[in-house]
Protein backbone atom coordinates (compact mmCIF):
# COMPACT_ATOMS: atom_id res chain seq x y z
CA MET A 1 -11.35 25.69 -16.30
CA GLU A 2 -7.87 24.21 -16.03
CA VAL A 3 -9.21 21.70 -13.10
CA TYR A 4 -11.95 20.53 -15.52
CA PHE A 5 -9.48 19.67 -18.32
CA ILE A 6 -7.40 17.77 -15.77
CA LEU A 7 -10.63 15.96 -14.87
CA LEU A 8 -11.29 14.98 -18.44
CA SER A 9 -8.01 13.84 -19.05
CA PHE A 10 -8.09 11.60 -15.96
CA LEU A 11 -11.53 10.37 -16.96
CA THR A 12 -9.93 9.45 -20.61
CA LEU A 13 -7.00 7.67 -18.78
CA THR A 14 -9.08 5.66 -16.41
CA SER A 15 -11.49 4.54 -19.09
CA LEU A 16 -8.67 3.29 -21.05
CA SER A 17 -7.17 1.62 -18.15
CA SER A 18 -10.42 -0.43 -17.43
CA SER A 19 -10.76 -1.42 -21.15
CA GLN A 20 -7.41 -2.51 -21.89
CA GLU A 21 -6.87 -6.02 -23.03
CA CYS A 22 -4.79 -8.49 -20.70
CA LYS A 23 -1.11 -8.64 -21.70
CA ARG A 24 0.81 -10.96 -19.60
CA ASP A 25 3.88 -11.22 -21.99
CA LEU A 26 7.07 -9.47 -20.88
CA LEU A 27 9.43 -8.03 -23.31
CA GLN A 28 13.08 -8.63 -22.82
CA ASN A 29 15.69 -6.13 -23.66
CA VAL A 30 12.84 -3.77 -24.46
CA ASP A 31 12.38 0.01 -22.95
CA PHE A 32 9.54 2.10 -22.63
CA PRO A 33 11.22 5.37 -22.42
CA GLY A 34 9.64 8.41 -20.73
CA SER A 35 5.89 8.71 -19.37
CA ASP A 36 7.12 7.81 -15.94
CA ILE A 37 5.01 8.37 -12.72
CA LYS A 38 7.48 7.46 -10.40
CA PHE A 39 9.97 4.51 -9.73
CA GLU A 40 9.79 1.93 -6.76
CA TYR A 41 12.69 -0.68 -6.02
CA SER A 42 11.67 -4.45 -6.94
CA PRO A 43 13.75 -7.68 -6.69
CA ASP A 44 12.68 -9.19 -10.00
CA VAL A 45 10.28 -8.20 -12.89
CA GLN A 46 7.27 -10.17 -11.64
CA HIS A 47 7.25 -7.90 -8.36
CA CYS A 48 7.76 -4.55 -10.66
CA GLN A 49 4.51 -5.89 -12.51
CA GLN A 50 2.62 -6.55 -9.43
CA LEU A 51 3.57 -3.12 -8.17
CA CYS A 52 2.15 -1.59 -11.51
CA THR A 53 -0.75 -3.51 -11.12
CA GLN A 54 -1.81 -2.34 -7.72
CA PHE A 55 -0.58 1.27 -8.52
CA PRO A 56 -3.76 3.22 -9.01
CA SER A 57 -2.76 5.04 -12.54
CA CYS A 58 0.03 2.62 -13.74
CA LEU A 59 -0.58 0.95 -17.15
CA PHE A 60 2.99 -0.35 -17.95
CA PHE A 61 6.45 -0.31 -16.77
CA THR A 62 10.16 -0.87 -17.33
CA PHE A 63 12.30 -2.73 -14.78
CA VAL A 64 16.00 -2.37 -14.82
CA ARG A 65 17.49 -5.96 -14.16
CA PRO A 66 20.63 -6.87 -12.10
CA ASP A 67 22.62 -7.29 -15.34
CA TRP A 68 22.12 -3.72 -16.08
CA THR A 69 25.67 -2.46 -16.93
CA LYS A 70 25.40 1.52 -17.69
CA ASP A 71 24.97 2.77 -14.18
CA GLN A 72 23.99 1.72 -10.80
CA ARG A 73 20.20 1.64 -11.28
CA HIS A 74 19.75 -1.99 -10.50
CA PHE A 75 16.10 -3.01 -9.34
CA TYR A 76 14.66 -0.01 -10.41
CA CYS A 77 10.99 -0.44 -11.24
CA TYR A 78 9.62 2.46 -13.58
CA LEU A 79 5.68 2.87 -13.33
CA LYS A 80 4.36 4.44 -16.39
CA SER A 81 1.15 6.13 -17.90
CA THR A 82 0.24 7.87 -20.96
CA SER A 83 -3.51 9.13 -22.11
CA SER A 84 -3.65 6.65 -24.90
CA GLY A 85 -3.11 3.90 -22.68
CA GLN A 86 0.24 2.61 -24.64
CA PRO A 87 3.82 3.49 -24.62
CA ASN A 88 4.66 6.25 -26.83
CA ARG A 89 7.86 4.42 -28.16
CA GLN A 90 9.43 0.93 -27.69
CA THR A 91 13.30 1.00 -28.10
CA PRO A 92 15.71 -1.98 -27.63
CA LEU A 93 18.11 -1.58 -24.43
CA PRO A 94 19.84 -4.49 -23.10
CA GLY A 95 19.32 -5.12 -19.18
CA VAL A 96 15.85 -3.94 -19.00
CA THR A 97 12.44 -5.68 -19.26
CA SER A 98 9.10 -4.03 -19.91
CA GLY A 99 5.55 -4.83 -19.65
CA TYR A 100 2.08 -4.06 -18.84
CA SER A 101 -0.19 -3.89 -15.92
CA LEU A 102 -2.31 -6.82 -15.02
CA LYS A 103 -5.39 -5.05 -14.04
CA PRO A 104 -7.55 -6.09 -17.01
CA CYS A 105 -6.48 -9.78 -16.30
CA SER A 106 -8.38 -10.13 -12.98
CA PRO A 107 -4.97 -10.86 -11.03
CA ASP A 108 -4.24 -12.37 -7.56
CA LEU A 109 -3.76 -9.20 -5.46
CA GLN A 110 -1.97 -10.98 -2.74
CA PRO A 111 0.31 -13.64 -4.89
CA CYS A 112 2.46 -16.12 -3.29
CA ARG A 113 6.29 -15.22 -3.37
CA PRO A 114 8.23 -18.16 -2.74
CA HIS A 115 11.53 -17.06 -4.33
CA VAL A 116 14.50 -15.88 -2.32
CA TYR A 117 17.21 -13.75 -3.86
CA GLN A 118 20.93 -14.54 -3.36
CA ASN A 119 23.13 -11.69 -2.75
CA VAL A 120 20.20 -9.17 -2.87
CA ASP A 121 19.78 -6.88 0.22
CA PHE A 122 16.03 -5.63 1.11
CA TYR A 123 17.78 -2.51 2.82
CA GLY A 124 15.76 -0.83 5.64
CA ALA A 125 12.40 -1.16 7.13
CA ASP A 126 13.78 -3.41 9.93
CA TYR A 127 11.85 -3.73 13.12
CA ARG A 128 13.44 -6.72 14.92
CA THR A 129 16.59 -8.61 14.35
CA LEU A 130 17.76 -12.03 15.61
CA PHE A 131 20.09 -15.15 14.93
CA THR A 132 18.58 -18.18 13.07
CA ALA A 133 20.64 -21.05 11.72
CA ASP A 134 19.73 -20.68 8.02
CA TYR A 135 17.54 -18.46 5.67
CA GLN A 136 14.74 -21.12 5.80
CA GLU A 137 14.21 -20.43 9.73
CA CYS A 138 14.46 -16.80 9.10
CA GLN A 139 11.67 -16.90 6.51
CA ARG A 140 9.58 -19.24 8.67
CA ILE A 141 9.68 -16.79 11.56
CA CYS A 142 8.95 -13.97 9.19
CA SER A 143 5.88 -16.04 7.95
CA LYS A 144 4.60 -16.51 11.33
CA ASP A 145 4.95 -13.05 12.58
CA PRO A 146 1.91 -10.83 11.49
CA PHE A 147 4.05 -7.83 11.08
CA CYS A 148 6.92 -9.30 9.00
CA GLN A 149 6.42 -8.70 5.01
CA PHE A 150 10.07 -9.59 3.99
CA PHE A 151 13.46 -10.35 5.49
CA THR A 152 17.14 -10.39 4.91
CA PHE A 153 19.48 -13.10 6.18
CA LEU A 154 23.16 -12.76 6.39
CA GLN A 155 25.06 -15.96 5.42
CA PRO A 156 27.71 -17.95 7.30
CA ASP A 157 30.40 -16.31 4.99
CA PHE A 158 29.26 -12.67 5.51
CA THR A 159 31.72 -10.16 6.54
CA PRO A 160 32.19 -8.57 9.34
CA GLU A 161 31.92 -12.19 10.88
CA LYS A 162 29.96 -10.88 14.10
CA TYR A 163 26.78 -10.17 11.92
CA ARG A 164 26.60 -13.57 10.54
CA TYR A 165 23.50 -15.62 10.80
CA LYS A 166 21.56 -12.53 11.64
CA CYS A 167 17.81 -12.62 10.58
CA HIS A 168 16.33 -9.02 9.67
CA LEU A 169 12.40 -8.98 9.74
CA LYS A 170 11.22 -5.92 7.95
CA PHE A 171 7.86 -4.21 7.78
CA SER A 172 5.60 -2.56 5.04
CA TRP A 173 1.83 -1.64 5.02
CA ALA A 174 -0.30 -4.54 4.36
CA LEU A 175 -3.73 -2.83 4.87
CA PRO A 176 -5.43 -0.36 2.69
CA ARG A 177 -4.34 3.11 3.77
CA THR A 178 -6.23 6.53 2.78
CA LEU A 179 -3.19 8.80 2.14
CA ASN A 180 -5.06 12.23 2.06
CA VAL A 181 -8.03 12.83 3.87
CA ASN A 182 -9.74 16.14 4.00
CA ARG A 183 -13.21 17.60 5.34
CA LYS A 184 -15.24 18.80 2.23
CA ASN A 185 -18.79 19.73 1.74
CA GLY A 186 -20.79 17.97 -0.73
CA VAL A 187 -18.95 14.45 -0.78
CA VAL A 188 -19.46 11.10 0.93
CA SER A 189 -16.39 8.56 1.33
CA GLY A 190 -16.35 5.06 2.62
CA PHE A 191 -14.96 1.74 2.18
CA SER A 192 -15.25 -1.44 0.28
CA HIS A 193 -17.11 -3.90 2.54
CA SER A 194 -14.32 -6.73 0.99
CA ALA A 195 -11.23 -4.50 2.19
CA GLN A 196 -9.18 -6.27 4.71
CA PHE A 197 -7.94 -4.51 7.63
CA SER A 198 -6.46 -7.15 9.94
CA GLU A 199 -5.52 -10.86 9.68
CA TYR A 200 -8.40 -13.28 10.67
CA SER A 201 -8.57 -14.62 14.04
CA ASP A 202 -10.92 -17.05 16.02
CA THR A 203 -10.49 -14.43 18.98
CA GLU A 204 -12.26 -11.33 19.23
CA CYS A 205 -10.55 -8.05 20.04
CA SER A 206 -11.35 -6.03 23.30
CA THR A 207 -11.40 -2.55 21.96
CA LYS A 208 -11.08 0.44 24.33
CA LEU A 209 -11.22 4.10 22.99
CA PHE A 210 -10.90 6.98 24.99
CA PRO A 211 -12.94 9.99 23.84
CA ASN A 212 -11.76 13.70 24.46
CA ALA A 213 -8.22 12.46 25.50
CA GLU A 214 -4.96 12.66 24.09
CA ILE A 215 -2.00 10.29 24.95
CA VAL A 216 1.00 12.33 25.97
CA GLY A 217 4.25 12.10 23.72
CA GLY A 218 5.33 9.15 21.82
CA ALA A 219 4.32 10.05 18.38
CA PHE A 220 6.61 8.80 15.91
CA MET A 221 4.33 8.72 12.71
CA THR A 222 1.18 10.50 11.45
CA GLN A 223 -1.30 9.00 9.01
CA SER A 224 -4.42 10.30 7.34
CA SER A 225 -7.44 8.60 8.78
CA GLY A 226 -11.44 8.85 8.53
CA THR A 227 -12.21 7.57 11.83
CA PRO A 228 -10.68 6.55 15.23
CA GLU A 229 -11.36 2.90 14.44
CA GLN A 230 -9.25 3.27 11.06
CA CYS A 231 -6.64 4.88 13.21
CA LEU A 232 -6.77 2.00 15.58
CA ALA A 233 -6.55 -0.29 12.61
CA MET A 234 -3.22 1.21 11.36
CA CYS A 235 -1.61 1.19 14.86
CA SER A 236 -2.48 -2.64 15.40
CA ALA A 237 -0.69 -3.29 12.09
CA HIS A 238 2.51 -1.37 12.65
CA PRO A 239 5.17 -3.27 14.82
CA GLN A 240 6.08 -0.03 16.57
CA CYS A 241 2.77 1.46 17.54
CA THR A 242 1.42 0.70 20.98
CA SER A 243 -1.33 3.51 20.92
CA PHE A 244 -2.62 6.29 18.95
CA SER A 245 -4.59 9.77 19.04
CA PHE A 246 -7.02 10.71 16.25
CA GLN A 247 -7.53 14.33 15.93
CA SER A 248 -11.10 14.89 14.35
CA SER A 249 -10.28 18.66 13.37
CA ASP A 250 -7.67 17.54 10.85
CA LEU A 251 -8.59 13.86 10.38
CA LYS A 252 -4.81 12.92 11.51
CA CYS A 253 -4.02 9.73 13.21
CA LEU A 254 -0.90 9.95 15.61
CA LEU A 255 0.83 6.66 15.81
CA LYS A 256 2.71 6.51 19.28
CA GLU A 257 5.13 4.56 21.09
CA ASN A 258 4.63 4.38 24.76
CA ARG A 259 6.29 1.37 26.36
CA ASN A 260 6.97 2.50 29.75
CA ASP A 261 3.89 4.63 30.60
CA LEU A 262 0.59 5.92 29.55
CA GLU A 263 -0.32 9.38 30.25
CA PHE A 264 -3.65 10.93 29.22
CA ARG A 265 -4.58 14.58 29.26
CA SER A 266 -8.07 15.99 28.46
CA LYS A 267 -8.51 17.49 24.57
CA THR A 268 -11.86 17.99 23.05
CA GLY A 269 -12.12 16.39 19.69
CA VAL A 270 -9.33 13.83 19.91
CA THR A 271 -10.02 10.03 20.50
CA SER A 272 -7.21 7.77 21.76
CA GLY A 273 -6.93 4.20 22.14
CA ILE A 274 -4.53 1.02 22.44
CA ALA A 275 -3.34 -1.25 19.89
CA THR A 276 -4.74 -4.76 19.78
CA HIS A 277 -2.92 -7.79 18.42
CA HIS A 278 -3.40 -11.50 17.56
CA CYS A 279 -7.33 -10.99 17.69
CA GLN A 280 -10.12 -10.17 15.34
CA GLN A 281 -11.16 -6.48 15.02
CA ASP A 282 -14.33 -5.38 14.54
CA THR A 283 -14.90 -3.71 11.04
CA ASN A 284 -18.20 -2.64 11.11
CA TRP A 285 -16.87 1.04 11.10
CA ALA A 286 -16.08 0.43 7.54
CA LYS A 287 -19.49 -0.11 6.34
CA THR A 288 -20.52 3.64 7.59
CA PRO A 289 -20.34 6.26 4.98
CA LEU A 290 -18.50 9.50 6.13
CA GLU A 291 -20.40 12.53 5.11
CA GLY A 292 -18.46 15.60 4.33
CA VAL A 293 -15.10 13.68 4.16
CA ASP A 294 -13.10 13.66 0.81
CA PHE A 295 -10.41 10.65 0.45
CA GLN A 296 -8.32 12.68 -2.04
CA GLY A 297 -6.14 10.89 -4.62
CA SER A 298 -5.39 7.10 -5.21
CA ASP A 299 -8.01 6.97 -8.14
CA ILE A 300 -8.28 3.91 -10.04
CA ARG A 301 -11.30 5.17 -12.29
CA SER A 302 -14.58 7.46 -12.12
CA GLU A 303 -18.11 6.88 -13.23
CA LEU A 304 -21.42 8.61 -13.02
CA MET A 305 -23.70 7.12 -10.67
CA ASP A 306 -27.26 7.98 -9.06
CA ASP A 307 -26.19 7.94 -5.39
CA ALA A 308 -23.39 6.90 -2.79
CA GLU A 309 -24.82 3.59 -2.08
CA THR A 310 -24.42 2.55 -5.72
CA CYS A 311 -20.75 4.02 -5.50
CA GLN A 312 -20.16 1.92 -2.44
CA LYS A 313 -21.42 -1.34 -3.78
CA THR A 314 -19.46 -1.02 -6.88
CA CYS A 315 -16.21 -0.44 -4.77
CA THR A 316 -17.24 -3.52 -2.79
CA ILE A 317 -17.66 -5.44 -6.29
CA ASP A 318 -14.66 -4.43 -7.84
CA GLN A 319 -11.42 -6.54 -6.53
CA HIS A 320 -9.38 -3.56 -7.06
CA CYS A 321 -11.11 -0.86 -5.16
CA GLN A 322 -10.39 -0.55 -1.37
CA PHE A 323 -12.18 2.98 -0.84
CA TYR A 324 -14.20 5.33 -2.51
CA THR A 325 -15.42 9.06 -2.67
CA TYR A 326 -18.98 10.08 -4.11
CA VAL A 327 -19.88 13.77 -5.19
CA ASN A 328 -23.32 14.71 -4.34
CA GLN A 329 -25.84 16.74 -6.20
CA ASN A 330 -25.25 19.80 -3.98
CA PHE A 331 -21.49 19.90 -4.46
CA GLU A 332 -20.28 23.32 -5.54
CA SER A 333 -18.96 22.59 -8.85
CA ALA A 334 -21.59 21.01 -11.22
CA SER A 335 -19.02 19.31 -13.44
CA TYR A 336 -18.06 16.87 -10.56
CA ARG A 337 -21.38 16.18 -9.21
CA HIS A 338 -22.84 12.43 -9.38
CA LYS A 339 -19.10 11.25 -10.02
CA CYS A 340 -17.96 8.20 -8.07
CA TYR A 341 -14.14 7.87 -7.49
CA LEU A 342 -12.92 4.25 -6.80
CA LYS A 343 -9.57 4.37 -5.00
CA ARG A 344 -6.88 1.98 -4.01
CA THR A 345 -3.45 2.12 -2.22
CA THR A 346 -0.38 -0.46 -3.01
CA ILE A 347 -0.52 -3.33 -0.24
CA ILE A 348 2.11 -5.88 -1.75
CA PRO A 349 5.19 -6.11 0.32
CA ALA A 350 7.78 -3.40 -1.13
CA PRO A 351 11.21 -3.09 0.29
CA PRO A 352 12.13 0.68 0.61
CA LYS A 353 15.36 -0.15 -1.36
CA VAL A 354 16.90 -3.29 -3.22
CA ALA A 355 20.54 -3.51 -3.70
CA LYS A 356 23.26 -6.07 -4.54
CA LEU A 357 25.20 -7.33 -1.55
CA ALA A 358 27.41 -10.27 -1.33
CA ASN A 359 26.44 -13.28 0.88
CA VAL A 360 23.10 -12.30 1.97
CA ILE A 361 19.71 -13.83 1.08
CA SER A 362 16.48 -11.94 0.99
CA GLY A 363 12.88 -13.09 0.39
CA PHE A 364 9.12 -12.36 1.40
CA THR A 365 6.58 -13.94 4.01
CA MET A 366 4.96 -17.11 2.95
CA ARG A 367 1.61 -16.44 4.54
CA ASP A 368 0.09 -15.84 1.17
CA CYS A 369 1.18 -19.13 0.05
CA ILE A 370 -1.16 -21.05 2.56
């Protein structure tokens, strides 16, 4: 019974989020206290609003600006939600800006971010460093590198002196990821046919998968995955990944870094492969529904539908939807049957931490500006 009431609350919330009016205005020095889902770091309020727009259940937010003086919570982006769809309270508070998700506004989900941030460090997520003459060259290199999502450049007056002119290229996931994948009878899951799993290229990838074979060692990260091909897409999108092993028993994708050798051992139910780069991946795998697989969580809304095919088509049409799970007629709990859950994860560049730091400049890739 508890699960059923949770579901009803969620359906109320998602129906509200899909019917809200478009509110683009930002409220300076206004706080929406409480109702927090989580917080992320953002360099400015526009990025915070984009995070809220892409985060499945976020309906409104409060951003703590750099001029905040009460404590050190600068660049905090608080993502928020209520069952009514509106903030419970609005109170005046210097140093913060609040606003609403742009989900009802048909927003650009991959907006251009040409701005750079003086004396702001995008801390962490480094995968490569080099020296450049200025921050413009650092940003150009970031924009040319398909792995790079943002950067931090150390200016000529940075201290210690030996780090001056250093360009830090940084990574965050830019493809849809199914964060929690489980086997479950009576459900069907799949992907939007509009979802992008790799950058476009005129050159077709040569893909090699090794069934019933595990690559020995080198694992540095585990991700949930519905298929070996999705595992390949994630490996190819990560700058550290050279190969992978997909475990069909628990639907886990082990990203591996083996740069000196590649050793296989026989293992039933495991499919391994090698990362592909600078080529067009075959994404036909994303058009095949996965019977008995549940993409748990990351819901943006749910609706009653006749069949899984209608659910898939609805996901493809909805610009916010990246993947879905449909509950069949034979599902054990009758209250969930015929429900289509539309889902997404955040794909905009998101630094793991944003902080004040003298004599540095940070910014984002310009690939989305072309």
